[in-house]
Amino acid sequence: MNPMEYQRSDRVGDLIVELISELLSREIRDPRVRGVTITAAKVTKDLKLARVYFNLLGGGENRDSVLAGLRSAGGFIRSRVGKELNLRFVPAIEFFYDETEDQAQRIDELLKSVKE
């Protein structure tokens, strides 16, 4: 892969995933966000918006309360991202539930039922 193909927005996204994961495990004490795994961050090319995707241990039953917890910590997370990554402009952060694992499980169950 040509190094020029790896966009700055991708690098910032990777750093945001690392940083938010660390903040969730070490500093954010909200019980609603326990068991959250940050799976990806897609940052726009202009670095103004970061869409952060998360998953939950044990499935997504209480994802609404987790989303509320992440949103309430959003200001703190954004300020820490700006401070740690030394960005001139800190992207707005939006959280989304990552449905990839749920879809993979559904496909797996369908394949098992067809096999039987």
N, C-alpha and C. Protein backbone atom coordinates (compact mmCIF):
# COMPACT_ATOMS: atom_id res chain seq x y z
N MET A 1 0.85 -1.19 0.00
CA MET A 1 0.00 0.00 0.00
C MET A 1 0.89 1.24 0.00
N ASN A 2 0.60 2.13 -0.86
CA ASN A 2 1.32 3.39 -0.96
C ASN A 2 1.02 4.22 0.29
N PRO A 3 2.04 4.75 0.99
CA PRO A 3 1.79 5.53 2.20
C PRO A 3 0.88 6.73 1.96
N MET A 4 0.89 7.25 0.75
CA MET A 4 0.05 8.39 0.44
C MET A 4 -1.44 8.01 0.40
N GLU A 5 -1.73 6.72 0.19
CA GLU A 5 -3.12 6.28 0.14
C GLU A 5 -3.74 6.24 1.54
N TYR A 6 -2.90 6.15 2.56
CA TYR A 6 -3.39 6.10 3.93
C TYR A 6 -3.60 7.54 4.40
N GLN A 7 -4.84 7.96 4.38
CA GLN A 7 -5.20 9.35 4.64
C GLN A 7 -4.93 9.77 6.09
N ARG A 8 -4.73 11.05 6.27
CA ARG A 8 -4.57 11.58 7.62
C ARG A 8 -5.83 11.30 8.44
N SER A 9 -6.99 11.39 7.81
CA SER A 9 -8.25 11.14 8.52
C SER A 9 -8.29 9.70 9.06
N ASP A 10 -7.71 8.75 8.30
CA ASP A 10 -7.65 7.36 8.78
C ASP A 10 -6.75 7.24 10.00
N ARG A 11 -5.62 7.92 9.97
CA ARG A 11 -4.69 7.88 11.11
C ARG A 11 -5.34 8.51 12.35
N VAL A 12 -6.02 9.63 12.15
CA VAL A 12 -6.71 10.28 13.26
C VAL A 12 -7.80 9.36 13.80
N GLY A 13 -8.52 8.68 12.91
CA GLY A 13 -9.55 7.73 13.33
C GLY A 13 -8.98 6.61 14.19
N ASP A 14 -7.84 6.05 13.76
CA ASP A 14 -7.20 4.98 14.54
C ASP A 14 -6.80 5.49 15.92
N LEU A 15 -6.26 6.70 15.98
CA LEU A 15 -5.85 7.27 17.26
C LEU A 15 -7.06 7.54 18.16
N ILE A 16 -8.17 7.97 17.56
CA ILE A 16 -9.39 8.22 18.32
C ILE A 16 -9.91 6.91 18.93
N VAL A 17 -9.88 5.82 18.17
CA VAL A 17 -10.32 4.51 18.70
C VAL A 17 -9.48 4.14 19.92
N GLU A 18 -8.15 4.26 19.78
CA GLU A 18 -7.25 3.94 20.89
C GLU A 18 -7.54 4.79 22.11
N LEU A 19 -7.65 6.09 21.90
CA LEU A 19 -7.82 7.03 23.00
C LEU A 19 -9.16 6.83 23.71
N ILE A 20 -10.25 6.69 22.96
CA ILE A 20 -11.56 6.52 23.59
C ILE A 20 -11.60 5.19 24.34
N SER A 21 -11.00 4.14 23.78
CA SER A 21 -10.96 2.85 24.47
C SER A 21 -10.25 2.99 25.81
N GLU A 22 -9.15 3.71 25.81
CA GLU A 22 -8.39 3.92 27.04
C GLU A 22 -9.20 4.75 28.05
N LEU A 23 -9.86 5.81 27.56
CA LEU A 23 -10.68 6.64 28.45
C LEU A 23 -11.81 5.83 29.08
N LEU A 24 -12.43 4.96 28.29
CA LEU A 24 -13.53 4.15 28.81
C LEU A 24 -13.05 3.18 29.89
N SER A 25 -11.86 2.63 29.70
CA SER A 25 -11.39 1.65 30.67
C SER A 25 -10.79 2.30 31.92
N ARG A 26 -10.25 3.52 31.79
CA ARG A 26 -9.52 4.11 32.91
C ARG A 26 -10.18 5.29 33.59
N GLU A 27 -10.89 6.12 32.84
CA GLU A 27 -11.32 7.39 33.42
C GLU A 27 -12.82 7.61 33.51
N ILE A 28 -13.57 7.04 32.58
CA ILE A 28 -15.02 7.29 32.58
C ILE A 28 -15.68 6.26 33.50
N ARG A 29 -16.33 6.75 34.53
CA ARG A 29 -16.89 5.89 35.57
C ARG A 29 -18.38 5.61 35.40
N ASP A 30 -18.98 6.09 34.34
CA ASP A 30 -20.42 5.90 34.11
C ASP A 30 -20.72 4.40 33.96
N PRO A 31 -21.57 3.84 34.83
CA PRO A 31 -21.86 2.40 34.75
C PRO A 31 -22.56 1.99 33.45
N ARG A 32 -23.17 2.94 32.75
CA ARG A 32 -23.85 2.61 31.50
C ARG A 32 -22.88 2.19 30.40
N VAL A 33 -21.62 2.61 30.50
CA VAL A 33 -20.68 2.31 29.42
C VAL A 33 -19.73 1.15 29.75
N ARG A 34 -20.07 0.37 30.75
CA ARG A 34 -19.26 -0.82 31.05
C ARG A 34 -19.49 -1.86 29.96
N GLY A 35 -18.43 -2.55 29.59
CA GLY A 35 -18.56 -3.60 28.58
C GLY A 35 -18.63 -3.08 27.15
N VAL A 36 -18.28 -1.80 26.96
CA VAL A 36 -18.31 -1.21 25.62
C VAL A 36 -16.96 -1.42 24.95
N THR A 37 -17.00 -1.82 23.69
CA THR A 37 -15.79 -1.93 22.89
C THR A 37 -15.92 -0.97 21.72
N ILE A 38 -14.93 -0.12 21.54
CA ILE A 38 -14.91 0.79 20.40
C ILE A 38 -14.34 0.01 19.22
N THR A 39 -15.12 -0.12 18.15
CA THR A 39 -14.69 -0.97 17.03
C THR A 39 -14.07 -0.18 15.88
N ALA A 40 -14.50 1.07 15.68
CA ALA A 40 -13.96 1.85 14.56
C ALA A 40 -14.30 3.32 14.75
N ALA A 41 -13.56 4.15 14.03
CA ALA A 41 -13.88 5.57 13.96
C ALA A 41 -13.64 6.02 12.53
N LYS A 42 -14.67 6.51 11.90
CA LYS A 42 -14.57 7.03 10.54
C LYS A 42 -14.55 8.55 10.64
N VAL A 43 -13.46 9.15 10.22
CA VAL A 43 -13.30 10.60 10.30
C VAL A 43 -13.39 11.17 8.89
N THR A 44 -14.17 12.25 8.76
CA THR A 44 -14.29 12.88 7.45
C THR A 44 -12.94 13.45 7.03
N LYS A 45 -12.75 13.62 5.73
CA LYS A 45 -11.48 14.10 5.19
C LYS A 45 -11.07 15.46 5.75
N ASP A 46 -12.08 16.32 6.04
CA ASP A 46 -11.77 17.64 6.59
C ASP A 46 -11.58 17.62 8.11
N LEU A 47 -11.65 16.43 8.72
CA LEU A 47 -11.45 16.21 10.16
C LEU A 47 -12.46 16.94 11.04
N LYS A 48 -13.64 17.22 10.49
CA LYS A 48 -14.64 17.95 11.28
C LYS A 48 -15.63 17.04 12.00
N LEU A 49 -15.73 15.78 11.56
CA LEU A 49 -16.68 14.85 12.17
C LEU A 49 -16.05 13.48 12.30
N ALA A 50 -16.23 12.88 13.48
CA ALA A 50 -15.77 11.51 13.70
C ALA A 50 -16.99 10.67 14.09
N ARG A 51 -17.27 9.65 13.29
CA ARG A 51 -18.34 8.70 13.61
C ARG A 51 -17.67 7.52 14.31
N VAL A 52 -17.96 7.37 15.59
CA VAL A 52 -17.32 6.34 16.39
C VAL A 52 -18.31 5.19 16.59
N TYR A 53 -17.88 3.98 16.23
CA TYR A 53 -18.73 2.80 16.32
C TYR A 53 -18.34 1.97 17.52
N PHE A 54 -19.37 1.46 18.23
CA PHE A 54 -19.12 0.66 19.42
C PHE A 54 -19.92 -0.62 19.39
N ASN A 55 -19.47 -1.59 20.17
CA ASN A 55 -20.16 -2.86 20.33
C ASN A 55 -20.22 -3.16 21.82
N LEU A 56 -21.08 -4.08 22.21
CA LEU A 56 -21.27 -4.42 23.62
C LEU A 56 -20.97 -5.88 23.87
N LEU A 57 -20.34 -6.15 24.99
CA LEU A 57 -20.16 -7.54 25.41
C LEU A 57 -21.54 -8.10 25.72
N GLY A 58 -21.82 -9.29 25.22
CA GLY A 58 -23.10 -9.91 25.51
C GLY A 58 -24.25 -9.41 24.67
N GLY A 59 -23.99 -8.75 23.57
CA GLY A 59 -25.07 -8.33 22.67
C GLY A 59 -25.54 -6.91 22.94
N GLY A 60 -26.48 -6.47 22.11
CA GLY A 60 -26.89 -5.07 22.13
C GLY A 60 -28.22 -4.78 22.79
N GLU A 61 -28.61 -5.55 23.82
CA GLU A 61 -29.92 -5.33 24.44
C GLU A 61 -30.07 -3.93 25.02
N ASN A 62 -29.05 -3.45 25.73
CA ASN A 62 -29.17 -2.14 26.39
C ASN A 62 -28.39 -1.06 25.66
N ARG A 63 -28.37 -1.13 24.35
CA ARG A 63 -27.55 -0.18 23.59
C ARG A 63 -28.06 1.26 23.70
N ASP A 64 -29.35 1.45 23.96
CA ASP A 64 -29.87 2.81 24.10
C ASP A 64 -29.29 3.51 25.33
N SER A 65 -29.21 2.78 26.45
CA SER A 65 -28.65 3.40 27.66
C SER A 65 -27.14 3.61 27.50
N VAL A 66 -26.48 2.68 26.81
CA VAL A 66 -25.04 2.84 26.55
C VAL A 66 -24.81 4.07 25.67
N LEU A 67 -25.64 4.22 24.65
CA LEU A 67 -25.53 5.38 23.76
C LEU A 67 -25.72 6.68 24.55
N ALA A 68 -26.69 6.67 25.47
CA ALA A 68 -26.92 7.86 26.31
C ALA A 68 -25.70 8.13 27.18
N GLY A 69 -25.08 7.08 27.71
CA GLY A 69 -23.88 7.25 28.53
C GLY A 69 -22.72 7.81 27.73
N LEU A 70 -22.54 7.29 26.52
CA LEU A 70 -21.46 7.78 25.66
C LEU A 70 -21.70 9.24 25.27
N ARG A 71 -22.95 9.57 24.97
CA ARG A 71 -23.25 10.95 24.59
C ARG A 71 -23.03 11.90 25.76
N SER A 72 -23.37 11.46 26.98
CA SER A 72 -23.17 12.35 28.13
C SER A 72 -21.68 12.56 28.41
N ALA A 73 -20.85 11.59 28.05
CA ALA A 73 -19.40 11.73 28.23
C ALA A 73 -18.75 12.38 27.01
N GLY A 74 -19.54 12.69 26.00
CA GLY A 74 -19.03 13.20 24.73
C GLY A 74 -18.17 14.46 24.84
N GLY A 75 -18.59 15.41 25.66
CA GLY A 75 -17.81 16.64 25.82
C GLY A 75 -16.44 16.37 26.43
N PHE A 76 -16.43 15.53 27.46
CA PHE A 76 -15.17 15.15 28.10
C PHE A 76 -14.27 14.42 27.10
N ILE A 77 -14.85 13.47 26.36
CA ILE A 77 -14.09 12.70 25.37
C ILE A 77 -13.51 13.64 24.31
N ARG A 78 -14.33 14.54 23.81
CA ARG A 78 -13.87 15.45 22.76
C ARG A 78 -12.74 16.35 23.25
N SER A 79 -12.86 16.84 24.48
CA SER A 79 -11.79 17.72 25.00
C SER A 79 -10.50 16.93 25.17
N ARG A 80 -10.59 15.67 25.62
CA ARG A 80 -9.39 14.86 25.78
C ARG A 80 -8.77 14.50 24.43
N VAL A 81 -9.62 14.24 23.43
CA VAL A 81 -9.11 13.95 22.08
C VAL A 81 -8.32 15.16 21.58
N GLY A 82 -8.87 16.35 21.75
CA GLY A 82 -8.18 17.56 21.31
C GLY A 82 -6.85 17.75 22.01
N LYS A 83 -6.85 17.50 23.32
CA LYS A 83 -5.64 17.69 24.12
C LYS A 83 -4.56 16.65 23.76
N GLU A 84 -4.97 15.38 23.70
CA GLU A 84 -4.02 14.29 23.48
C GLU A 84 -3.47 14.26 22.05
N LEU A 85 -4.33 14.56 21.07
CA LEU A 85 -3.92 14.45 19.67
C LEU A 85 -3.37 15.76 19.11
N ASN A 86 -3.42 16.81 19.93
CA ASN A 86 -2.85 18.09 19.51
C ASN A 86 -3.41 18.57 18.17
N LEU A 87 -4.72 18.48 18.01
CA LEU A 87 -5.35 18.89 16.76
C LEU A 87 -5.75 20.36 16.84
N ARG A 88 -5.59 21.07 15.74
CA ARG A 88 -6.02 22.46 15.70
C ARG A 88 -7.54 22.53 15.79
N PHE A 89 -8.20 21.64 15.05
CA PHE A 89 -9.66 21.58 15.09
C PHE A 89 -10.06 20.18 15.56
N VAL A 90 -10.81 20.10 16.64
CA VAL A 90 -11.21 18.80 17.19
C VAL A 90 -12.53 18.39 16.54
N PRO A 91 -12.57 17.19 15.96
CA PRO A 91 -13.81 16.76 15.29
C PRO A 91 -14.97 16.59 16.26
N ALA A 92 -16.17 16.87 15.78
CA ALA A 92 -17.37 16.55 16.54
C ALA A 92 -17.46 15.03 16.57
N ILE A 93 -17.89 14.47 17.69
CA ILE A 93 -17.91 13.01 17.82
C ILE A 93 -19.35 12.53 17.94
N GLU A 94 -19.71 11.61 17.05
CA GLU A 94 -21.03 10.97 17.10
C GLU A 94 -20.82 9.49 17.33
N PHE A 95 -21.67 8.89 18.16
CA PHE A 95 -21.55 7.46 18.46
C PHE A 95 -22.65 6.67 17.76
N PHE A 96 -22.27 5.50 17.24
CA PHE A 96 -23.21 4.60 16.57
C PHE A 96 -22.95 3.17 17.03
N TYR A 97 -24.03 2.41 17.15
CA TYR A 97 -23.89 1.00 17.49
C TYR A 97 -23.42 0.25 16.25
N ASP A 98 -22.39 -0.56 16.40
CA ASP A 98 -21.82 -1.34 15.29
C ASP A 98 -22.58 -2.67 15.20
N GLU A 99 -23.34 -2.84 14.13
CA GLU A 99 -24.19 -4.02 13.99
C GLU A 99 -23.51 -5.19 13.28
N THR A 100 -22.25 -5.05 12.94
CA THR A 100 -21.55 -6.07 12.17
C THR A 100 -21.59 -7.43 12.85
N GLU A 101 -21.28 -7.45 14.16
CA GLU A 101 -21.24 -8.73 14.87
C GLU A 101 -22.63 -9.36 14.97
N ASP A 102 -23.65 -8.54 15.20
CA ASP A 102 -25.02 -9.05 15.26
C ASP A 102 -25.43 -9.67 13.92
N GLN A 103 -25.06 -9.00 12.82
CA GLN A 103 -25.39 -9.52 11.50
C GLN A 103 -24.65 -10.82 11.22
N ALA A 104 -23.39 -10.90 11.64
CA ALA A 104 -22.61 -12.12 11.44
C ALA A 104 -23.23 -13.27 12.22
N GLN A 105 -23.70 -13.01 13.43
CA GLN A 105 -24.35 -14.05 14.24
C GLN A 105 -25.64 -14.52 13.57
N ARG A 106 -26.41 -13.57 13.05
CA ARG A 106 -27.67 -13.91 12.37
C ARG A 106 -27.39 -14.79 11.15
N ILE A 107 -26.37 -14.45 10.37
CA ILE A 107 -26.01 -15.25 9.19
C ILE A 107 -25.57 -16.64 9.61
N ASP A 108 -24.78 -16.70 10.69
CA ASP A 108 -24.30 -17.99 11.21
C ASP A 108 -25.48 -18.88 11.61
N GLU A 109 -26.47 -18.28 12.30
CA GLU A 109 -27.65 -19.04 12.72
C GLU A 109 -28.45 -19.52 11.51
N LEU A 110 -28.58 -18.66 10.51
CA LEU A 110 -29.29 -19.06 9.30
C LEU A 110 -28.59 -20.23 8.60
N LEU A 111 -27.27 -20.15 8.53
CA LEU A 111 -26.50 -21.24 7.89
C LEU A 111 -26.65 -22.55 8.65
N LYS A 112 -26.65 -22.45 9.98
CA LYS A 112 -26.84 -23.66 10.80
C LYS A 112 -28.23 -24.26 10.57
N SER A 113 -29.25 -23.41 10.50
CA SER A 113 -30.61 -23.91 10.31
C SER A 113 -30.78 -24.54 8.92
N VAL A 114 -30.10 -24.02 7.91
CA VAL A 114 -30.16 -24.59 6.56
C VAL A 114 -29.45 -25.94 6.55
N LYS A 115 -28.36 -26.03 7.27
CA LYS A 115 -27.56 -27.25 7.34
C LYS A 115 -28.35 -28.41 7.93
N GLU A 116 -29.17 -28.07 8.94
CA GLU A 116 -30.00 -29.11 9.62
C GLU A 116 -31.11 -29.50 8.72
